[in-house]
Structure formats: C-alpha cells, structure tokens
Amino acid sequence: MNRKNFLSILTTTVFSFISFPAIAQAETQFQTPSRNIHCLIADQSIRCDVLQITGRIPPQPKDCQLDWGHVFNLNARGSGYRGCYGDTVADANSPVLQYGKTLRYQGFVCTSRRTGLTCVNRDNRGWELSRERQRFF
C-alpha cells in the first residue's frame, strides 16, 4: 500500500468515528413588513434599528460620540435602552416578521403588529417600537 492510499484510508477511518455535534444557529435576523424596523438576536441580546423616527428623540448623551437615537438594545435580563452606534443591523434581505406573527428565539418574544413591534425578554421587560413612538417597559 502506498503512502497516499494509507493516508486516505486513515483519514476516512478517523472521521467515521468522530461525532460532530449539530451546530445550533447562533443568531437570527428579521424586519417588519414596513421595512422600517430591523432586528438582530445574537449572544443573548436583541438589537433593533428603527430607520425612520417621526417622534422626539431624547438628547444625545455626552459620552456618545457616534450616532444616536435609532438603535434599541435589550439583554436577556433587565431593561432595554437606546444605544450609541456606528453601524446598522438593517438588511433588506432579512426575513419579514409578518403582522400578527410572533418570533420566539433565545428567550426573546417579538410580535409584529400594524401599530409596531413589541419585544420582551425573560424578565418580561422590553419595548414597543414604531416610527411614531418608542416606549420601554
């Protein structure tokens, strides 16, 4: 048996005995039907970007040297908050969470309605987001 055939047999034999665990999807992305709200759930947190806001945006914090007012963050536990940001999670190709539908992922529950998007975490804390209004609870 030559060296090439031996290595091929050895590799096939080794890999036939190794069990690879199924890799769980670590993140998911979606957008609302209006395409105004885009969200990413990853690493036990959710971030939603509201592209257009017609309501009043709170003043920018002094420690925020980037963009302000359109990003909303929520961890698996605790209250949500507006984020300082220099990027976006908006992706025109992400799936649409249709009105009346609910997404459950990594402990977050998000429901899309014509009036906006509501997301909650394991503590039942979260937000209601729309073009006109952004409310934390």
N, C-alpha and C. Protein backbone atom coordinates (compact mmCIF):
# COMPACT_ATOMS: atom_id res chain seq x y z
N MET A 1 0.86 -1.17 0.00
CA MET A 1 0.00 0.00 0.00
C MET A 1 0.90 1.23 0.00
N ASN A 2 0.61 2.15 -0.90
CA ASN A 2 1.44 3.36 -0.93
C ASN A 2 0.96 4.37 0.10
N ARG A 3 1.78 5.35 0.32
CA ARG A 3 1.53 6.36 1.37
C ARG A 3 0.23 7.12 1.13
N LYS A 4 -0.07 7.48 -0.11
CA LYS A 4 -1.28 8.24 -0.44
C LYS A 4 -2.54 7.44 -0.08
N ASN A 5 -2.57 6.17 -0.45
CA ASN A 5 -3.73 5.33 -0.12
C ASN A 5 -3.87 5.14 1.39
N PHE A 6 -2.74 4.95 2.07
CA PHE A 6 -2.76 4.78 3.52
C PHE A 6 -3.36 6.00 4.22
N LEU A 7 -2.91 7.20 3.82
CA LEU A 7 -3.43 8.44 4.41
C LEU A 7 -4.92 8.61 4.13
N SER A 8 -5.34 8.24 2.94
CA SER A 8 -6.76 8.34 2.59
C SER A 8 -7.61 7.41 3.47
N ILE A 9 -7.15 6.18 3.64
CA ILE A 9 -7.87 5.21 4.48
C ILE A 9 -7.87 5.67 5.94
N LEU A 10 -6.73 6.14 6.42
CA LEU A 10 -6.62 6.61 7.80
C LEU A 10 -7.57 7.78 8.05
N THR A 11 -7.58 8.75 7.15
CA THR A 11 -8.44 9.92 7.29
C THR A 11 -9.91 9.51 7.30
N THR A 12 -10.30 8.66 6.39
CA THR A 12 -11.68 8.20 6.32
C THR A 12 -12.06 7.46 7.60
N THR A 13 -11.18 6.62 8.09
CA THR A 13 -11.45 5.86 9.31
C THR A 13 -11.59 6.77 10.52
N VAL A 14 -10.68 7.72 10.68
CA VAL A 14 -10.73 8.64 11.82
C VAL A 14 -12.01 9.45 11.78
N PHE A 15 -12.36 10.01 10.63
CA PHE A 15 -13.54 10.86 10.56
C PHE A 15 -14.84 10.06 10.68
N SER A 16 -14.80 8.79 10.38
CA SER A 16 -16.02 8.00 10.55
C SER A 16 -16.32 7.73 12.02
N PHE A 17 -15.33 7.86 12.90
CA PHE A 17 -15.52 7.64 14.33
C PHE A 17 -15.74 8.92 15.13
N ILE A 18 -15.50 10.06 14.51
CA ILE A 18 -15.68 11.34 15.21
C ILE A 18 -17.13 11.77 15.04
N SER A 19 -17.75 12.12 16.13
CA SER A 19 -19.12 12.59 16.09
C SER A 19 -19.13 14.11 16.23
N PHE A 20 -19.61 14.78 15.22
CA PHE A 20 -19.69 16.23 15.25
C PHE A 20 -21.07 16.63 15.76
N PRO A 21 -21.13 17.44 16.83
CA PRO A 21 -22.44 17.86 17.33
C PRO A 21 -23.11 18.80 16.33
N ALA A 22 -24.42 18.79 16.33
CA ALA A 22 -25.15 19.72 15.47
C ALA A 22 -24.85 21.14 15.93
N ILE A 23 -24.58 22.00 14.99
CA ILE A 23 -24.28 23.39 15.32
C ILE A 23 -25.59 24.16 15.34
N ALA A 24 -25.92 24.71 16.49
CA ALA A 24 -27.15 25.48 16.63
C ALA A 24 -26.95 26.86 16.01
N GLN A 25 -27.98 27.35 15.39
CA GLN A 25 -27.91 28.69 14.83
C GLN A 25 -27.74 29.68 15.98
N ALA A 26 -26.72 30.51 15.90
CA ALA A 26 -26.37 31.40 17.00
C ALA A 26 -27.05 32.76 16.90
N GLU A 27 -27.69 33.04 15.79
CA GLU A 27 -28.34 34.34 15.65
C GLU A 27 -29.47 34.25 14.65
N THR A 28 -30.34 35.23 14.71
CA THR A 28 -31.39 35.35 13.71
C THR A 28 -31.66 36.83 13.48
N GLN A 29 -32.09 37.13 12.29
CA GLN A 29 -32.38 38.49 11.89
C GLN A 29 -33.77 38.55 11.29
N PHE A 30 -34.44 39.69 11.45
CA PHE A 30 -35.74 39.88 10.81
C PHE A 30 -36.02 41.36 10.65
N GLN A 31 -37.05 41.65 9.87
CA GLN A 31 -37.52 43.03 9.70
C GLN A 31 -39.04 43.03 9.71
N THR A 32 -39.61 44.20 9.98
CA THR A 32 -41.06 44.33 9.97
C THR A 32 -41.54 44.53 8.52
N PRO A 33 -42.82 44.29 8.26
CA PRO A 33 -43.34 44.45 6.91
C PRO A 33 -43.15 45.86 6.33
N SER A 34 -43.13 46.87 7.19
CA SER A 34 -42.90 48.24 6.71
C SER A 34 -41.46 48.45 6.28
N ARG A 35 -40.59 47.52 6.65
CA ARG A 35 -39.15 47.57 6.40
C ARG A 35 -38.48 48.73 7.13
N ASN A 36 -39.16 49.26 8.15
CA ASN A 36 -38.61 50.36 8.94
C ASN A 36 -37.88 49.89 10.19
N ILE A 37 -38.19 48.69 10.66
CA ILE A 37 -37.54 48.16 11.86
C ILE A 37 -36.82 46.87 11.49
N HIS A 38 -35.52 46.84 11.79
CA HIS A 38 -34.68 45.67 11.51
C HIS A 38 -34.06 45.21 12.82
N CYS A 39 -34.10 43.91 13.07
CA CYS A 39 -33.61 43.38 14.35
C CYS A 39 -32.64 42.23 14.15
N LEU A 40 -31.74 42.11 15.12
CA LEU A 40 -30.79 41.00 15.17
C LEU A 40 -30.78 40.47 16.60
N ILE A 41 -30.99 39.16 16.73
CA ILE A 41 -30.89 38.49 18.03
C ILE A 41 -29.63 37.63 17.98
N ALA A 42 -28.71 37.88 18.91
CA ALA A 42 -27.46 37.12 18.98
C ALA A 42 -26.86 37.30 20.36
N ASP A 43 -26.17 36.28 20.84
CA ASP A 43 -25.44 36.35 22.11
C ASP A 43 -26.32 36.84 23.26
N GLN A 44 -27.54 36.29 23.33
CA GLN A 44 -28.47 36.61 24.42
C GLN A 44 -28.81 38.09 24.51
N SER A 45 -28.87 38.76 23.36
CA SER A 45 -29.32 40.15 23.31
C SER A 45 -30.02 40.38 21.98
N ILE A 46 -30.85 41.39 21.97
CA ILE A 46 -31.53 41.79 20.73
C ILE A 46 -31.25 43.26 20.49
N ARG A 47 -31.02 43.58 19.24
CA ARG A 47 -30.84 44.97 18.82
C ARG A 47 -31.81 45.21 17.68
N CYS A 48 -32.57 46.30 17.78
CA CYS A 48 -33.46 46.70 16.70
C CYS A 48 -33.11 48.12 16.28
N ASP A 49 -33.02 48.32 14.98
CA ASP A 49 -32.77 49.64 14.41
C ASP A 49 -34.08 50.14 13.80
N VAL A 50 -34.51 51.32 14.23
CA VAL A 50 -35.70 51.95 13.65
C VAL A 50 -35.16 53.00 12.67
N LEU A 51 -35.32 52.75 11.39
CA LEU A 51 -34.68 53.59 10.38
C LEU A 51 -35.24 55.00 10.34
N GLN A 52 -36.56 55.13 10.41
CA GLN A 52 -37.19 56.46 10.40
C GLN A 52 -38.02 56.64 11.66
N ILE A 53 -37.76 57.73 12.37
CA ILE A 53 -38.50 58.08 13.58
C ILE A 53 -39.07 59.48 13.39
N THR A 54 -40.39 59.59 13.58
CA THR A 54 -41.02 60.91 13.45
C THR A 54 -41.20 61.56 14.81
N GLY A 55 -41.16 60.77 15.87
CA GLY A 55 -41.32 61.31 17.22
C GLY A 55 -40.04 61.97 17.72
N ARG A 56 -40.13 62.55 18.89
CA ARG A 56 -39.00 63.23 19.52
C ARG A 56 -37.96 62.22 20.00
N ILE A 57 -36.71 62.47 19.70
CA ILE A 57 -35.61 61.62 20.15
C ILE A 57 -34.95 62.32 21.33
N PRO A 58 -34.70 61.59 22.42
CA PRO A 58 -34.05 62.21 23.58
C PRO A 58 -32.68 62.77 23.21
N PRO A 59 -32.20 63.74 23.99
CA PRO A 59 -30.88 64.32 23.71
C PRO A 59 -29.78 63.26 23.73
N GLN A 60 -28.79 63.46 22.90
CA GLN A 60 -27.67 62.54 22.82
C GLN A 60 -26.80 62.64 24.07
N PRO A 61 -26.48 61.50 24.69
CA PRO A 61 -25.60 61.55 25.87
C PRO A 61 -24.22 62.10 25.50
N LYS A 62 -23.59 62.76 26.44
CA LYS A 62 -22.27 63.35 26.19
C LYS A 62 -21.21 62.30 25.87
N ASP A 63 -21.38 61.08 26.42
CA ASP A 63 -20.37 60.04 26.17
C ASP A 63 -20.60 59.29 24.87
N CYS A 64 -21.61 59.67 24.09
CA CYS A 64 -21.87 59.03 22.80
C CYS A 64 -21.26 59.89 21.70
N GLN A 65 -20.20 59.41 21.11
CA GLN A 65 -19.51 60.14 20.04
C GLN A 65 -19.90 59.63 18.65
N LEU A 66 -20.88 58.72 18.60
CA LEU A 66 -21.32 58.14 17.33
C LEU A 66 -22.74 58.62 17.05
N ASP A 67 -23.50 57.83 16.31
CA ASP A 67 -24.89 58.17 16.02
C ASP A 67 -25.76 57.81 17.21
N TRP A 68 -26.92 58.45 17.30
CA TRP A 68 -27.77 58.30 18.47
C TRP A 68 -29.24 58.32 18.11
N GLY A 69 -30.02 57.54 18.82
CA GLY A 69 -31.47 57.68 18.80
C GLY A 69 -32.26 56.63 18.06
N HIS A 70 -31.65 55.87 17.16
CA HIS A 70 -32.40 54.94 16.33
C HIS A 70 -32.16 53.47 16.66
N VAL A 71 -31.29 53.19 17.63
CA VAL A 71 -30.94 51.81 17.98
C VAL A 71 -31.46 51.49 19.38
N PHE A 72 -32.06 50.29 19.51
CA PHE A 72 -32.65 49.84 20.77
C PHE A 72 -32.06 48.48 21.11
N ASN A 73 -31.57 48.36 22.35
CA ASN A 73 -30.92 47.14 22.82
C ASN A 73 -31.68 46.56 24.00
N LEU A 74 -31.68 45.23 24.07
CA LEU A 74 -32.32 44.53 25.18
C LEU A 74 -31.53 43.25 25.41
N ASN A 75 -31.08 43.06 26.64
CA ASN A 75 -30.38 41.83 27.01
C ASN A 75 -31.39 40.80 27.50
N ALA A 76 -30.92 39.60 27.75
CA ALA A 76 -31.79 38.51 28.20
C ALA A 76 -32.48 38.84 29.51
N ARG A 77 -31.86 39.67 30.32
CA ARG A 77 -32.41 40.10 31.60
C ARG A 77 -32.28 41.61 31.71
N GLY A 78 -33.22 42.25 32.41
CA GLY A 78 -33.13 43.68 32.66
C GLY A 78 -33.90 44.52 31.65
N SER A 79 -33.70 45.81 31.76
CA SER A 79 -34.42 46.80 30.94
C SER A 79 -33.73 47.05 29.61
N GLY A 80 -34.50 47.49 28.66
CA GLY A 80 -33.97 47.89 27.37
C GLY A 80 -33.43 49.31 27.43
N TYR A 81 -32.68 49.69 26.42
CA TYR A 81 -32.10 51.03 26.37
C TYR A 81 -31.77 51.42 24.94
N ARG A 82 -31.72 52.74 24.71
CA ARG A 82 -31.25 53.25 23.42
C ARG A 82 -29.75 53.11 23.37
N GLY A 83 -29.23 52.81 22.21
CA GLY A 83 -27.80 52.62 22.07
C GLY A 83 -27.13 53.67 21.22
N CYS A 84 -25.88 53.89 21.52
CA CYS A 84 -24.98 54.71 20.73
C CYS A 84 -24.41 53.76 19.67
N TYR A 85 -24.35 54.14 18.41
CA TYR A 85 -23.98 53.18 17.38
C TYR A 85 -23.22 53.82 16.23
N GLY A 86 -22.46 53.01 15.55
CA GLY A 86 -21.73 53.44 14.38
C GLY A 86 -21.93 52.48 13.22
N ASP A 87 -22.92 51.59 13.35
CA ASP A 87 -23.21 50.61 12.32
C ASP A 87 -24.71 50.38 12.26
N THR A 88 -25.13 49.37 11.54
CA THR A 88 -26.56 49.05 11.45
C THR A 88 -26.74 47.54 11.34
N VAL A 89 -27.89 47.07 11.78
CA VAL A 89 -28.26 45.66 11.56
C VAL A 89 -29.26 45.56 10.42
N ALA A 90 -29.60 46.68 9.80
CA ALA A 90 -30.56 46.68 8.70
C ALA A 90 -30.03 45.85 7.53
N ASP A 91 -30.86 44.94 7.07
CA ASP A 91 -30.51 44.08 5.94
C ASP A 91 -31.79 43.87 5.13
N ALA A 92 -31.82 44.42 3.94
CA ALA A 92 -33.01 44.33 3.09
C ALA A 92 -33.37 42.88 2.77
N ASN A 93 -32.43 41.96 2.91
CA ASN A 93 -32.69 40.55 2.59
C ASN A 93 -33.13 39.72 3.78
N SER A 94 -33.21 40.32 4.97
CA SER A 94 -33.62 39.53 6.13
C SER A 94 -35.10 39.18 6.04
N PRO A 95 -35.51 38.07 6.66
CA PRO A 95 -36.91 37.65 6.60
C PRO A 95 -37.84 38.68 7.24
N VAL A 96 -39.06 38.73 6.77
CA VAL A 96 -40.06 39.65 7.30
C VAL A 96 -40.91 38.93 8.33
N LEU A 97 -41.04 39.54 9.51
CA LEU A 97 -41.94 39.04 10.55
C LEU A 97 -43.30 39.69 10.27
N GLN A 98 -44.19 38.95 9.65
CA GLN A 98 -45.47 39.48 9.19
C GLN A 98 -46.32 39.98 10.36
N TYR A 99 -47.21 40.95 10.07
CA TYR A 99 -48.12 41.46 11.09
C TYR A 99 -48.94 40.32 11.68
N GLY A 100 -49.08 40.33 13.00
CA GLY A 100 -49.83 39.30 13.69
C GLY A 100 -49.01 38.06 14.03
N LYS A 101 -47.76 38.02 13.61
CA LYS A 101 -46.90 36.87 13.88
C LYS A 101 -45.95 37.16 15.04
N THR A 102 -45.53 36.10 15.73
CA THR A 102 -44.63 36.19 16.87
C THR A 102 -43.41 35.32 16.63
N LEU A 103 -42.25 35.84 16.97
CA LEU A 103 -41.00 35.11 16.90
C LEU A 103 -40.49 34.87 18.31
N ARG A 104 -40.15 33.63 18.63
CA ARG A 104 -39.55 33.27 19.92
C ARG A 104 -38.16 32.74 19.64
N TYR A 105 -37.16 33.37 20.25
CA TYR A 105 -35.78 32.98 19.98
C TYR A 105 -34.89 33.40 21.13
N GLN A 106 -34.09 32.48 21.64
CA GLN A 106 -33.14 32.73 22.73
C GLN A 106 -33.77 33.44 23.93
N GLY A 107 -35.01 33.13 24.23
CA GLY A 107 -35.68 33.73 25.38
C GLY A 107 -36.38 35.05 25.08
N PHE A 108 -36.27 35.56 23.87
CA PHE A 108 -36.95 36.79 23.47
C PHE A 108 -38.23 36.43 22.75
N VAL A 109 -39.24 37.27 22.93
CA VAL A 109 -40.51 37.11 22.22
C VAL A 109 -40.81 38.44 21.55
N CYS A 110 -40.91 38.42 20.22
CA CYS A 110 -41.20 39.64 19.45
C CYS A 110 -42.47 39.41 18.64
N THR A 111 -43.38 40.37 18.73
CA THR A 111 -44.64 40.31 17.99
C THR A 111 -44.75 41.52 17.09
N SER A 112 -45.05 41.27 15.83
CA SER A 112 -45.19 42.32 14.83
C SER A 112 -46.68 42.65 14.67
N ARG A 113 -47.00 43.91 14.76
CA ARG A 113 -48.38 44.39 14.56
C ARG A 113 -48.33 45.60 13.64
N ARG A 114 -49.45 45.95 13.09
CA ARG A 114 -49.51 47.16 12.25
C ARG A 114 -49.13 48.41 13.04
N THR A 115 -49.33 48.36 14.35
CA THR A 115 -49.00 49.50 15.21
C THR A 115 -47.54 49.54 15.64
N GLY A 116 -46.77 48.47 15.35
CA GLY A 116 -45.36 48.45 15.69
C GLY A 116 -44.89 47.07 16.14
N LEU A 117 -43.68 47.05 16.66
CA LEU A 117 -43.04 45.82 17.09
C LEU A 117 -42.89 45.83 18.61
N THR A 118 -43.33 44.76 19.26
CA THR A 118 -43.16 44.60 20.70
C THR A 118 -42.22 43.43 20.94
N CYS A 119 -41.17 43.65 21.75
CA CYS A 119 -40.24 42.58 22.12
C CYS A 119 -40.07 42.56 23.63
N VAL A 120 -40.01 41.37 24.20
CA VAL A 120 -39.78 41.21 25.64
C VAL A 120 -38.69 40.16 25.85
N ASN A 121 -38.05 40.26 27.02
CA ASN A 121 -37.01 39.29 27.40
C ASN A 121 -37.56 38.36 28.47
N ARG A 122 -36.68 37.59 29.09
CA ARG A 122 -37.08 36.62 30.12
C ARG A 122 -37.69 37.28 31.35
N ASP A 123 -37.34 38.54 31.61
CA ASP A 123 -37.89 39.29 32.74
C ASP A 123 -39.20 39.99 32.39
N ASN A 124 -39.69 39.75 31.17
CA ASN A 124 -40.89 40.42 30.66
C ASN A 124 -40.70 41.94 30.56
N ARG A 125 -39.46 42.35 30.36
CA ARG A 125 -39.11 43.75 30.12
C ARG A 125 -38.88 43.90 28.63
N GLY A 126 -39.05 45.09 28.11
CA GLY A 126 -38.84 45.26 26.68
C GLY A 126 -39.26 46.61 26.17
N TRP A 127 -39.83 46.58 24.95
CA TRP A 127 -40.20 47.82 24.29
C TRP A 127 -41.33 47.61 23.29
N GLU A 128 -41.91 48.75 22.92
CA GLU A 128 -42.81 48.85 21.78
C GLU A 128 -42.17 49.87 20.86
N LEU A 129 -41.91 49.47 19.62
CA LEU A 129 -41.24 50.36 18.67
C LEU A 129 -42.11 50.59 17.45
N SER A 130 -42.16 51.83 17.02
CA SER A 130 -42.80 52.19 15.75
C SER A 130 -42.14 53.47 15.26
N ARG A 131 -42.52 53.88 14.09
CA ARG A 131 -42.00 55.13 13.54
C ARG A 131 -42.34 56.31 14.44
N GLU A 132 -43.56 56.31 14.98
CA GLU A 132 -44.06 57.44 15.77
C GLU A 132 -43.67 57.39 17.23
N ARG A 133 -43.47 56.17 17.78
CA ARG A 133 -43.31 56.05 19.23
C ARG A 133 -42.35 54.92 19.58
N GLN A 134 -41.55 55.15 20.60
CA GLN A 134 -40.65 54.14 21.14
C GLN A 134 -40.83 54.18 22.65
N ARG A 135 -41.32 53.06 23.20
CA ARG A 135 -41.64 53.03 24.64
C ARG A 135 -41.03 51.80 25.27
N PHE A 136 -40.28 52.04 26.36
CA PHE A 136 -39.71 50.95 27.16
C PHE A 136 -40.67 50.60 28.29
N PHE A 137 -40.69 49.34 28.69
CA PHE A 137 -41.48 48.94 29.85
C PHE A 137 -40.74 47.86 30.61
